[in-house]
Amino acid sequence: MDSADAYERHARDFMRSRDRSQVGVQVVTQWARSLEPSSAVLEIACGGGLPVTQTLVDAGLRVWAIDSSPTLVAVFQQRFSHIPIQCARLQDSDFFRRKYDAAISVGLIFLLDEIDQLRMLDRISDRLRPGASFLFTAPVEVGTWIDISTGHTCVSLGQDVYECALARAGFRSIGRYEDRGGNNYYEAKKVADSMFA
């Protein structure tokens, strides 16, 4: 079972827990406020939309969302009927065939295997305009653990690998932040086309 199947199987339990949580809201709010008003933002792994999508909307940003779980996508559509959403795995999405001013992905990259993690950074870079900001969560440490929501094995490549991969994908790392839940966020700016484009 891959991470997409695991999250679909546990979608309702995940949503009940995540909907009530404010973990990460402070970091996402700070990041969203750094963007120009009405910026076009791609949210990858949006879940049911709470609390991250709501934070982006409250900041006046225009959001396009992607999630692989049909259950979570259906709930998202009920909550945010004005936001375009695509039910697709990251690996298969066409990202609405448009470019964005920013992208955000909370709680996804470490659910993928190493190859797909590196491809994710390249694929997102390809969809961002020069100067675009990208915020995503991943640990600083190298390691594996079991996702408490689904039982799926997670893999962290570690800060050195993520920062090197960001550079190869055409990003410049500009900051790291930690939320009150101890989750690490990387922020990077798109400065060039990927070396592998």
N, C-alpha and C. Protein backbone atom coordinates (compact mmCIF):
# COMPACT_ATOMS: atom_id res chain seq x y z
N MET A 1 0.85 -1.19 0.00
CA MET A 1 0.00 0.00 0.00
C MET A 1 0.89 1.25 0.00
N ASP A 2 0.67 2.17 -0.96
CA ASP A 2 1.46 3.39 -0.96
C ASP A 2 0.77 4.43 -0.07
N SER A 3 1.41 5.60 0.07
CA SER A 3 0.90 6.60 1.01
C SER A 3 -0.48 7.12 0.60
N ALA A 4 -0.73 7.22 -0.71
CA ALA A 4 -2.03 7.70 -1.17
C ALA A 4 -3.14 6.74 -0.75
N ASP A 5 -2.92 5.45 -0.93
CA ASP A 5 -3.91 4.46 -0.51
C ASP A 5 -4.08 4.46 1.01
N ALA A 6 -2.97 4.64 1.71
CA ALA A 6 -3.03 4.65 3.18
C ALA A 6 -3.85 5.82 3.68
N TYR A 7 -3.68 7.00 3.08
CA TYR A 7 -4.44 8.17 3.53
C TYR A 7 -5.91 8.06 3.15
N GLU A 8 -6.22 7.45 2.02
CA GLU A 8 -7.62 7.25 1.67
C GLU A 8 -8.29 6.30 2.67
N ARG A 9 -7.59 5.26 3.04
CA ARG A 9 -8.15 4.29 3.99
C ARG A 9 -8.43 4.93 5.35
N HIS A 10 -7.58 5.88 5.74
CA HIS A 10 -7.70 6.50 7.07
C HIS A 10 -8.18 7.95 6.98
N ALA A 11 -8.81 8.33 5.87
CA ALA A 11 -9.13 9.74 5.61
C ALA A 11 -9.99 10.37 6.70
N ARG A 12 -11.04 9.70 7.12
CA ARG A 12 -11.96 10.28 8.11
C ARG A 12 -11.26 10.49 9.45
N ASP A 13 -10.48 9.51 9.89
CA ASP A 13 -9.76 9.66 11.16
C ASP A 13 -8.74 10.78 11.06
N PHE A 14 -8.02 10.84 9.94
CA PHE A 14 -7.03 11.90 9.75
C PHE A 14 -7.70 13.27 9.81
N MET A 15 -8.84 13.41 9.14
CA MET A 15 -9.51 14.69 9.07
C MET A 15 -10.04 15.12 10.45
N ARG A 16 -10.58 14.19 11.20
CA ARG A 16 -11.08 14.53 12.53
C ARG A 16 -9.97 15.11 13.40
N SER A 17 -8.79 14.53 13.28
CA SER A 17 -7.65 15.00 14.07
C SER A 17 -7.11 16.32 13.54
N ARG A 18 -6.92 16.41 12.22
CA ARG A 18 -6.29 17.59 11.62
C ARG A 18 -7.21 18.81 11.67
N ASP A 19 -8.50 18.62 11.51
CA ASP A 19 -9.44 19.75 11.54
C ASP A 19 -9.37 20.53 12.84
N ARG A 20 -9.10 19.84 13.94
CA ARG A 20 -9.07 20.49 15.25
C ARG A 20 -7.70 21.08 15.59
N SER A 21 -6.69 20.72 14.82
CA SER A 21 -5.31 21.11 15.14
C SER A 21 -4.95 22.47 14.57
N GLN A 22 -4.27 23.26 15.36
CA GLN A 22 -3.73 24.54 14.90
C GLN A 22 -2.22 24.46 14.70
N VAL A 23 -1.67 23.26 14.77
CA VAL A 23 -0.22 23.09 14.56
C VAL A 23 0.14 23.53 13.15
N GLY A 24 1.11 24.41 13.06
CA GLY A 24 1.58 24.90 11.77
C GLY A 24 0.93 26.17 11.29
N VAL A 25 -0.18 26.57 11.90
CA VAL A 25 -0.91 27.74 11.42
C VAL A 25 -0.06 29.01 11.52
N GLN A 26 0.70 29.14 12.61
CA GLN A 26 1.52 30.34 12.77
C GLN A 26 2.57 30.45 11.65
N VAL A 27 3.24 29.34 11.33
CA VAL A 27 4.25 29.35 10.28
C VAL A 27 3.61 29.64 8.93
N VAL A 28 2.49 28.99 8.63
CA VAL A 28 1.82 29.18 7.34
C VAL A 28 1.30 30.61 7.22
N THR A 29 0.77 31.15 8.32
CA THR A 29 0.28 32.53 8.29
C THR A 29 1.42 33.51 7.99
N GLN A 30 2.54 33.32 8.65
CA GLN A 30 3.70 34.19 8.42
C GLN A 30 4.15 34.10 6.96
N TRP A 31 4.21 32.88 6.44
CA TRP A 31 4.63 32.69 5.04
C TRP A 31 3.61 33.33 4.09
N ALA A 32 2.32 33.10 4.33
CA ALA A 32 1.29 33.63 3.45
C ALA A 32 1.32 35.16 3.42
N ARG A 33 1.60 35.77 4.54
CA ARG A 33 1.66 37.23 4.61
C ARG A 33 2.88 37.80 3.87
N SER A 34 3.88 36.96 3.63
CA SER A 34 5.07 37.42 2.90
C SER A 34 4.83 37.47 1.39
N LEU A 35 3.71 36.88 0.94
CA LEU A 35 3.39 36.85 -0.48
C LEU A 35 2.58 38.07 -0.88
N GLU A 36 2.64 38.40 -2.16
CA GLU A 36 1.83 39.50 -2.67
C GLU A 36 0.34 39.14 -2.57
N PRO A 37 -0.51 40.13 -2.27
CA PRO A 37 -1.96 39.84 -2.23
C PRO A 37 -2.43 39.23 -3.56
N SER A 38 -3.33 38.29 -3.48
CA SER A 38 -3.91 37.60 -4.64
C SER A 38 -2.91 36.73 -5.40
N SER A 39 -1.77 36.41 -4.78
CA SER A 39 -0.82 35.49 -5.43
C SER A 39 -1.50 34.16 -5.71
N ALA A 40 -1.11 33.54 -6.82
CA ALA A 40 -1.60 32.22 -7.19
C ALA A 40 -0.75 31.17 -6.48
N VAL A 41 -1.38 30.36 -5.62
CA VAL A 41 -0.66 29.41 -4.78
C VAL A 41 -1.13 27.98 -5.08
N LEU A 42 -0.18 27.09 -5.30
CA LEU A 42 -0.46 25.67 -5.46
C LEU A 42 -0.29 24.98 -4.12
N GLU A 43 -1.37 24.36 -3.63
CA GLU A 43 -1.29 23.60 -2.39
C GLU A 43 -1.32 22.11 -2.71
N ILE A 44 -0.26 21.41 -2.35
CA ILE A 44 -0.13 19.99 -2.65
C ILE A 44 -0.35 19.19 -1.38
N ALA A 45 -1.27 18.22 -1.43
CA ALA A 45 -1.71 17.44 -0.27
C ALA A 45 -2.52 18.33 0.67
N CYS A 46 -3.62 18.85 0.13
CA CYS A 46 -4.45 19.81 0.87
C CYS A 46 -5.33 19.15 1.92
N GLY A 47 -5.55 17.84 1.84
CA GLY A 47 -6.44 17.18 2.77
C GLY A 47 -7.85 17.77 2.69
N GLY A 48 -8.48 17.92 3.83
CA GLY A 48 -9.82 18.49 3.87
C GLY A 48 -9.84 20.01 3.90
N GLY A 49 -8.64 20.62 3.87
CA GLY A 49 -8.54 22.07 3.78
C GLY A 49 -8.37 22.81 5.10
N LEU A 50 -8.50 22.11 6.22
CA LEU A 50 -8.30 22.75 7.52
C LEU A 50 -7.07 22.16 8.20
N PRO A 51 -6.21 23.02 8.73
CA PRO A 51 -6.33 24.47 8.79
C PRO A 51 -5.56 25.22 7.68
N VAL A 52 -4.78 24.52 6.86
CA VAL A 52 -3.84 25.22 5.97
C VAL A 52 -4.55 26.01 4.87
N THR A 53 -5.45 25.37 4.12
CA THR A 53 -6.14 26.08 3.04
C THR A 53 -6.89 27.29 3.59
N GLN A 54 -7.56 27.11 4.71
CA GLN A 54 -8.28 28.23 5.31
C GLN A 54 -7.35 29.38 5.63
N THR A 55 -6.16 29.08 6.11
CA THR A 55 -5.16 30.11 6.42
C THR A 55 -4.75 30.86 5.16
N LEU A 56 -4.57 30.14 4.07
CA LEU A 56 -4.19 30.77 2.80
C LEU A 56 -5.32 31.67 2.28
N VAL A 57 -6.54 31.18 2.36
CA VAL A 57 -7.70 31.96 1.92
C VAL A 57 -7.84 33.22 2.77
N ASP A 58 -7.68 33.07 4.08
CA ASP A 58 -7.80 34.21 4.99
C ASP A 58 -6.75 35.28 4.69
N ALA A 59 -5.62 34.86 4.12
CA ALA A 59 -4.56 35.81 3.77
C ALA A 59 -4.80 36.47 2.41
N GLY A 60 -5.90 36.13 1.75
CA GLY A 60 -6.23 36.75 0.48
C GLY A 60 -5.54 36.16 -0.73
N LEU A 61 -5.07 34.92 -0.61
CA LEU A 61 -4.37 34.27 -1.71
C LEU A 61 -5.35 33.46 -2.57
N ARG A 62 -5.01 33.28 -3.84
CA ARG A 62 -5.80 32.45 -4.75
C ARG A 62 -5.16 31.06 -4.76
N VAL A 63 -5.96 30.04 -4.44
CA VAL A 63 -5.43 28.70 -4.21
C VAL A 63 -5.93 27.73 -5.27
N TRP A 64 -5.02 26.85 -5.72
CA TRP A 64 -5.33 25.67 -6.52
C TRP A 64 -4.83 24.49 -5.70
N ALA A 65 -5.64 23.45 -5.52
CA ALA A 65 -5.31 22.40 -4.57
C ALA A 65 -5.28 21.02 -5.22
N ILE A 66 -4.46 20.14 -4.63
CA ILE A 66 -4.32 18.76 -5.11
C ILE A 66 -4.29 17.84 -3.89
N ASP A 67 -5.01 16.74 -3.98
CA ASP A 67 -4.90 15.68 -2.98
C ASP A 67 -5.24 14.36 -3.64
N SER A 68 -4.67 13.29 -3.13
CA SER A 68 -4.87 11.98 -3.75
C SER A 68 -6.06 11.22 -3.19
N SER A 69 -6.63 11.68 -2.08
CA SER A 69 -7.72 10.95 -1.43
C SER A 69 -9.08 11.43 -1.93
N PRO A 70 -9.86 10.58 -2.58
CA PRO A 70 -11.20 10.99 -3.01
C PRO A 70 -12.08 11.46 -1.85
N THR A 71 -11.94 10.83 -0.69
CA THR A 71 -12.73 11.22 0.47
C THR A 71 -12.38 12.63 0.91
N LEU A 72 -11.09 12.93 1.01
CA LEU A 72 -10.66 14.27 1.44
C LEU A 72 -11.00 15.32 0.39
N VAL A 73 -10.87 14.96 -0.87
CA VAL A 73 -11.21 15.90 -1.95
C VAL A 73 -12.69 16.26 -1.90
N ALA A 74 -13.55 15.28 -1.66
CA ALA A 74 -14.99 15.54 -1.59
C ALA A 74 -15.33 16.50 -0.46
N VAL A 75 -14.70 16.32 0.70
CA VAL A 75 -14.94 17.22 1.82
C VAL A 75 -14.40 18.61 1.49
N PHE A 76 -13.22 18.66 0.90
CA PHE A 76 -12.62 19.94 0.51
C PHE A 76 -13.57 20.71 -0.42
N GLN A 77 -14.13 20.01 -1.39
CA GLN A 77 -15.04 20.67 -2.34
C GLN A 77 -16.27 21.25 -1.65
N GLN A 78 -16.76 20.56 -0.62
CA GLN A 78 -17.90 21.08 0.14
C GLN A 78 -17.52 22.35 0.90
N ARG A 79 -16.31 22.37 1.43
CA ARG A 79 -15.87 23.49 2.25
C ARG A 79 -15.40 24.69 1.43
N PHE A 80 -14.79 24.41 0.28
CA PHE A 80 -14.17 25.47 -0.53
C PHE A 80 -14.60 25.30 -1.98
N SER A 81 -15.87 25.53 -2.23
CA SER A 81 -16.41 25.27 -3.58
C SER A 81 -15.81 26.19 -4.64
N HIS A 82 -15.23 27.30 -4.22
CA HIS A 82 -14.65 28.26 -5.17
C HIS A 82 -13.20 27.93 -5.55
N ILE A 83 -12.60 26.94 -4.89
CA ILE A 83 -11.19 26.61 -5.14
C ILE A 83 -11.09 25.41 -6.07
N PRO A 84 -10.35 25.55 -7.18
CA PRO A 84 -10.14 24.39 -8.05
C PRO A 84 -9.34 23.31 -7.31
N ILE A 85 -9.81 22.08 -7.38
CA ILE A 85 -9.09 20.97 -6.73
C ILE A 85 -9.02 19.80 -7.69
N GLN A 86 -7.91 19.10 -7.63
CA GLN A 86 -7.67 17.94 -8.48
C GLN A 86 -7.41 16.73 -7.58
N CYS A 87 -8.12 15.64 -7.85
CA CYS A 87 -7.87 14.40 -7.13
C CYS A 87 -6.83 13.60 -7.91
N ALA A 88 -5.59 13.65 -7.44
CA ALA A 88 -4.50 12.98 -8.15
C ALA A 88 -3.32 12.80 -7.22
N ARG A 89 -2.55 11.75 -7.48
CA ARG A 89 -1.27 11.62 -6.80
C ARG A 89 -0.32 12.69 -7.35
N LEU A 90 0.56 13.13 -6.51
CA LEU A 90 1.56 14.12 -6.94
C LEU A 90 2.26 13.66 -8.21
N GLN A 91 2.60 12.39 -8.26
CA GLN A 91 3.35 11.85 -9.39
C GLN A 91 2.58 11.95 -10.70
N ASP A 92 1.24 12.01 -10.63
CA ASP A 92 0.40 11.98 -11.82
C ASP A 92 -0.24 13.32 -12.16
N SER A 93 -0.19 14.27 -11.25
CA SER A 93 -0.90 15.54 -11.45
C SER A 93 -0.28 16.36 -12.58
N ASP A 94 -1.14 17.08 -13.30
CA ASP A 94 -0.64 18.05 -14.29
C ASP A 94 -0.61 19.46 -13.71
N PHE A 95 -0.91 19.58 -12.40
CA PHE A 95 -0.86 20.87 -11.69
C PHE A 95 -1.70 21.94 -12.39
N PHE A 96 -2.80 21.50 -13.00
CA PHE A 96 -3.74 22.39 -13.69
C PHE A 96 -3.10 23.08 -14.90
N ARG A 97 -1.94 22.61 -15.32
CA ARG A 97 -1.25 23.13 -16.52
C ARG A 97 -1.07 24.64 -16.48
N ARG A 98 -0.65 25.14 -15.33
CA ARG A 98 -0.43 26.58 -15.20
C ARG A 98 0.78 26.83 -14.31
N LYS A 99 1.20 28.09 -14.24
CA LYS A 99 2.33 28.48 -13.39
C LYS A 99 1.79 29.18 -12.14
N TYR A 100 2.60 29.18 -11.09
CA TYR A 100 2.18 29.72 -9.80
C TYR A 100 3.21 30.70 -9.24
N ASP A 101 2.71 31.55 -8.34
CA ASP A 101 3.57 32.50 -7.64
C ASP A 101 4.17 31.89 -6.37
N ALA A 102 3.61 30.77 -5.93
CA ALA A 102 4.08 30.12 -4.71
C ALA A 102 3.49 28.71 -4.65
N ALA A 103 4.12 27.86 -3.84
CA ALA A 103 3.60 26.50 -3.61
C ALA A 103 3.84 26.13 -2.16
N ILE A 104 2.96 25.29 -1.64
CA ILE A 104 3.07 24.83 -0.26
C ILE A 104 2.69 23.35 -0.20
N SER A 105 3.44 22.61 0.59
CA SER A 105 3.15 21.19 0.78
C SER A 105 3.48 20.81 2.23
N VAL A 106 2.44 20.59 3.00
CA VAL A 106 2.60 20.24 4.42
C VAL A 106 2.30 18.76 4.60
N GLY A 107 3.26 18.03 5.13
CA GLY A 107 3.04 16.64 5.50
C GLY A 107 3.04 15.64 4.37
N LEU A 108 3.74 15.93 3.27
CA LEU A 108 3.72 15.00 2.14
C LEU A 108 5.07 14.40 1.78
N ILE A 109 6.09 15.19 1.58
CA ILE A 109 7.28 14.72 0.88
C ILE A 109 7.87 13.46 1.52
N PHE A 110 7.87 13.38 2.84
CA PHE A 110 8.48 12.24 3.53
C PHE A 110 7.61 10.98 3.45
N LEU A 111 6.39 11.09 2.91
CA LEU A 111 5.57 9.90 2.68
C LEU A 111 5.96 9.20 1.38
N LEU A 112 6.76 9.86 0.55
CA LEU A 112 7.18 9.33 -0.74
C LEU A 112 8.52 8.61 -0.61
N ASP A 113 8.83 7.75 -1.58
CA ASP A 113 10.16 7.13 -1.56
C ASP A 113 11.19 8.16 -2.02
N GLU A 114 12.46 7.82 -1.90
CA GLU A 114 13.52 8.79 -2.17
C GLU A 114 13.45 9.34 -3.59
N ILE A 115 13.24 8.47 -4.57
CA ILE A 115 13.20 8.93 -5.96
C ILE A 115 12.05 9.90 -6.17
N ASP A 116 10.86 9.58 -5.65
CA ASP A 116 9.72 10.47 -5.83
C ASP A 116 9.87 11.78 -5.04
N GLN A 117 10.58 11.74 -3.92
CA GLN A 117 10.83 12.99 -3.19
C GLN A 117 11.65 13.95 -4.05
N LEU A 118 12.70 13.44 -4.68
CA LEU A 118 13.55 14.29 -5.51
C LEU A 118 12.81 14.75 -6.76
N ARG A 119 12.02 13.86 -7.34
CA ARG A 119 11.21 14.26 -8.50
C ARG A 119 10.18 15.31 -8.13
N MET A 120 9.64 15.22 -6.91
CA MET A 120 8.65 16.20 -6.46
C MET A 120 9.23 17.61 -6.52
N LEU A 121 10.45 17.79 -6.04
CA LEU A 121 11.06 19.12 -6.05
C LEU A 121 11.25 19.63 -7.47
N ASP A 122 11.67 18.76 -8.37
CA ASP A 122 11.82 19.16 -9.78
C ASP A 122 10.47 19.53 -10.40
N ARG A 123 9.45 18.72 -10.13
CA ARG A 123 8.14 18.96 -10.73
C ARG A 123 7.53 20.26 -10.22
N ILE A 124 7.68 20.54 -8.94
CA ILE A 124 7.15 21.78 -8.40
C ILE A 124 7.92 22.97 -8.96
N SER A 125 9.22 22.86 -9.05
CA SER A 125 10.02 23.94 -9.62
C SER A 125 9.55 24.29 -11.02
N ASP A 126 9.21 23.28 -11.80
CA ASP A 126 8.77 23.50 -13.17
C ASP A 126 7.46 24.29 -13.25
N ARG A 127 6.67 24.26 -12.18
CA ARG A 127 5.38 24.94 -12.17
C ARG A 127 5.43 26.33 -11.55
N LEU A 128 6.60 26.73 -11.06
CA LEU A 128 6.72 28.02 -10.38
C LEU A 128 7.41 29.07 -11.24
N ARG A 129 6.92 30.29 -11.11
CA ARG A 129 7.54 31.42 -11.80
C ARG A 129 8.83 31.82 -11.08
N PRO A 130 9.76 32.49 -11.77
CA PRO A 130 10.96 32.99 -11.10
C PRO A 130 10.59 33.89 -9.92
N GLY A 131 11.27 33.70 -8.82
CA GLY A 131 10.98 34.47 -7.61
C GLY A 131 9.91 33.86 -6.73
N ALA A 132 9.27 32.78 -7.20
CA ALA A 132 8.20 32.13 -6.43
C ALA A 132 8.76 31.50 -5.15
N SER A 133 7.93 31.47 -4.13
CA SER A 133 8.30 30.88 -2.85
C SER A 133 7.71 29.48 -2.73
N PHE A 134 8.47 28.58 -2.11
CA PHE A 134 8.02 27.21 -1.87
C PHE A 134 8.26 26.88 -0.41
N LEU A 135 7.20 26.45 0.28
CA LEU A 135 7.27 26.07 1.69
C LEU A 135 6.83 24.62 1.82
N PHE A 136 7.67 23.79 2.48
CA PHE A 136 7.28 22.39 2.68
C PHE A 136 7.85 21.88 4.00
N THR A 137 7.22 20.84 4.50
CA THR A 137 7.66 20.24 5.76
C THR A 137 8.46 18.97 5.51
N ALA A 138 9.55 18.85 6.25
CA ALA A 138 10.37 17.63 6.27
C ALA A 138 11.36 17.78 7.42
N PRO A 139 11.72 16.68 8.05
CA PRO A 139 12.67 16.77 9.17
C PRO A 139 14.07 17.22 8.73
N VAL A 140 14.82 17.69 9.70
CA VAL A 140 16.23 18.03 9.49
C VAL A 140 17.07 16.75 9.49
N GLU A 141 16.68 15.81 10.32
CA GLU A 141 17.43 14.58 10.50
C GLU A 141 17.15 13.58 9.38
N VAL A 142 18.11 12.70 9.13
CA VAL A 142 17.91 11.54 8.27
C VAL A 142 17.26 10.45 9.10
N GLY A 143 16.26 9.77 8.55
CA GLY A 143 15.67 8.69 9.32
C GLY A 143 14.36 8.19 8.77
N THR A 144 13.82 7.16 9.41
CA THR A 144 12.52 6.60 9.06
C THR A 144 11.67 6.50 10.32
N TRP A 145 10.36 6.54 10.14
CA TRP A 145 9.43 6.39 11.25
C TRP A 145 8.08 5.97 10.68
N ILE A 146 7.17 5.64 11.56
CA ILE A 146 5.83 5.22 11.15
C ILE A 146 4.86 6.38 11.35
N ASP A 147 4.15 6.75 10.29
CA ASP A 147 3.15 7.81 10.34
C ASP A 147 2.03 7.41 11.29
N ILE A 148 1.75 8.26 12.28
CA ILE A 148 0.74 7.89 13.29
C ILE A 148 -0.67 7.88 12.73
N SER A 149 -0.90 8.61 11.63
CA SER A 149 -2.25 8.65 11.06
C SER A 149 -2.60 7.39 10.27
N THR A 150 -1.59 6.78 9.64
CA THR A 150 -1.87 5.71 8.69
C THR A 150 -1.08 4.43 8.90
N GLY A 151 0.00 4.48 9.67
CA GLY A 151 0.87 3.33 9.82
C GLY A 151 1.86 3.19 8.67
N HIS A 152 1.86 4.17 7.75
CA HIS A 152 2.76 4.14 6.58
C HIS A 152 4.18 4.52 7.01
N THR A 153 5.19 3.89 6.41
CA THR A 153 6.58 4.22 6.70
C THR A 153 6.97 5.52 6.03
N CYS A 154 7.54 6.44 6.80
CA CYS A 154 8.00 7.73 6.30
C CYS A 154 9.53 7.72 6.21
N VAL A 155 10.05 8.50 5.27
CA VAL A 155 11.50 8.56 5.05
C VAL A 155 11.93 10.01 4.96
N SER A 156 12.84 10.42 5.83
CA SER A 156 13.45 11.74 5.74
C SER A 156 14.85 11.61 5.16
N LEU A 157 15.13 12.39 4.12
CA LEU A 157 16.45 12.38 3.51
C LEU A 157 17.41 13.30 4.25
N GLY A 158 16.91 14.16 5.11
CA GLY A 158 17.74 15.04 5.91
C GLY A 158 18.03 16.38 5.24
N GLN A 159 18.39 17.35 6.06
CA GLN A 159 18.57 18.72 5.60
C GLN A 159 19.58 18.84 4.46
N ASP A 160 20.72 18.18 4.58
CA ASP A 160 21.76 18.32 3.55
C ASP A 160 21.25 17.87 2.18
N VAL A 161 20.57 16.74 2.16
CA VAL A 161 20.05 16.22 0.88
C VAL A 161 18.94 17.13 0.35
N TYR A 162 18.03 17.56 1.22
CA TYR A 162 16.95 18.44 0.75
C TYR A 162 17.50 19.74 0.19
N GLU A 163 18.47 20.33 0.86
CA GLU A 163 19.00 21.60 0.37
C GLU A 163 19.77 21.43 -0.94
N CYS A 164 20.51 20.33 -1.08
CA CYS A 164 21.19 20.05 -2.36
C CYS A 164 20.17 19.80 -3.47
N ALA A 165 19.12 19.06 -3.15
CA ALA A 165 18.09 18.76 -4.15
C ALA A 165 17.33 20.03 -4.55
N LEU A 166 17.08 20.90 -3.59
CA LEU A 166 16.44 22.18 -3.91
C LEU A 166 17.32 22.98 -4.87
N ALA A 167 18.61 23.03 -4.61
CA ALA A 167 19.51 23.77 -5.49
C ALA A 167 19.51 23.19 -6.90
N ARG A 168 19.53 21.86 -7.01
CA ARG A 168 19.50 21.22 -8.33
C ARG A 168 18.19 21.50 -9.06
N ALA A 169 17.12 21.69 -8.28
CA ALA A 169 15.81 21.96 -8.87
C ALA A 169 15.60 23.44 -9.18
N GLY A 170 16.61 24.26 -8.92
CA GLY A 170 16.52 25.67 -9.26
C GLY A 170 16.04 26.57 -8.14
N PHE A 171 16.16 26.10 -6.90
CA PHE A 171 15.75 26.89 -5.75
C PHE A 171 16.96 27.39 -4.96
N ARG A 172 16.73 28.47 -4.22
CA ARG A 172 17.69 28.94 -3.23
C ARG A 172 17.03 28.83 -1.86
N SER A 173 17.65 28.11 -0.95
CA SER A 173 17.09 27.98 0.41
C SER A 173 17.20 29.31 1.13
N ILE A 174 16.10 29.75 1.75
CA ILE A 174 16.15 31.04 2.43
C ILE A 174 15.75 30.96 3.91
N GLY A 175 15.29 29.82 4.37
CA GLY A 175 14.96 29.76 5.79
C GLY A 175 14.41 28.42 6.22
N ARG A 176 14.50 28.18 7.52
CA ARG A 176 13.87 27.02 8.15
C ARG A 176 13.12 27.52 9.37
N TYR A 177 11.97 26.89 9.63
CA TYR A 177 11.12 27.31 10.74
C TYR A 177 10.61 26.06 11.44
N GLU A 178 10.24 26.21 12.70
CA GLU A 178 9.68 25.09 13.46
C GLU A 178 8.36 25.53 14.08
N ASP A 179 7.33 24.69 13.95
CA ASP A 179 6.06 25.03 14.58
C ASP A 179 6.01 24.46 15.99
N ARG A 180 4.94 24.76 16.69
CA ARG A 180 4.86 24.35 18.10
C ARG A 180 4.71 22.84 18.27
N GLY A 181 4.46 22.14 17.16
CA GLY A 181 4.42 20.69 17.21
C GLY A 181 5.77 20.05 16.92
N GLY A 182 6.80 20.89 16.70
CA GLY A 182 8.15 20.39 16.44
C GLY A 182 8.40 20.03 14.99
N ASN A 183 7.48 20.40 14.09
CA ASN A 183 7.65 20.11 12.66
C ASN A 183 8.54 21.15 12.02
N ASN A 184 9.42 20.70 11.12
CA ASN A 184 10.37 21.58 10.45
C ASN A 184 9.85 21.97 9.07
N TYR A 185 10.00 23.26 8.74
CA TYR A 185 9.57 23.80 7.45
C TYR A 185 10.79 24.36 6.71
N TYR A 186 10.91 24.02 5.44
CA TYR A 186 11.92 24.62 4.58
C TYR A 186 11.24 25.65 3.68
N GLU A 187 11.85 26.83 3.56
CA GLU A 187 11.38 27.82 2.61
C GLU A 187 12.46 28.04 1.57
N ALA A 188 12.06 28.07 0.30
CA ALA A 188 13.02 28.27 -0.78
C ALA A 188 12.40 29.17 -1.85
N LYS A 189 13.26 29.84 -2.60
CA LYS A 189 12.83 30.70 -3.69
C LYS A 189 13.27 30.10 -5.02
N LYS A 190 12.39 30.14 -6.01
CA LYS A 190 12.72 29.68 -7.37
C LYS A 190 13.62 30.74 -8.02
N VAL A 191 14.81 30.30 -8.40
CA VAL A 191 15.75 31.25 -9.02
C VAL A 191 16.15 30.86 -10.44
N ALA A 192 15.94 29.60 -10.81
CA ALA A 192 16.37 29.14 -12.13
C ALA A 192 15.62 27.88 -12.51
N ASP A 193 15.74 27.47 -13.76
CA ASP A 193 15.16 26.21 -14.17
C ASP A 193 15.94 25.06 -13.56
N SER A 194 15.29 23.94 -13.36
CA SER A 194 15.94 22.74 -12.82
C SER A 194 17.09 22.31 -13.73
N MET A 195 18.15 21.79 -13.12
CA MET A 195 19.28 21.25 -13.88
C MET A 195 18.83 20.08 -14.74
N PHE A 196 17.70 19.46 -14.37
CA PHE A 196 17.27 18.25 -15.05
C PHE A 196 16.03 18.48 -15.91
N ALA A 197 15.67 19.74 -16.11
CA ALA A 197 14.48 20.07 -16.91
C ALA A 197 14.69 19.71 -18.37
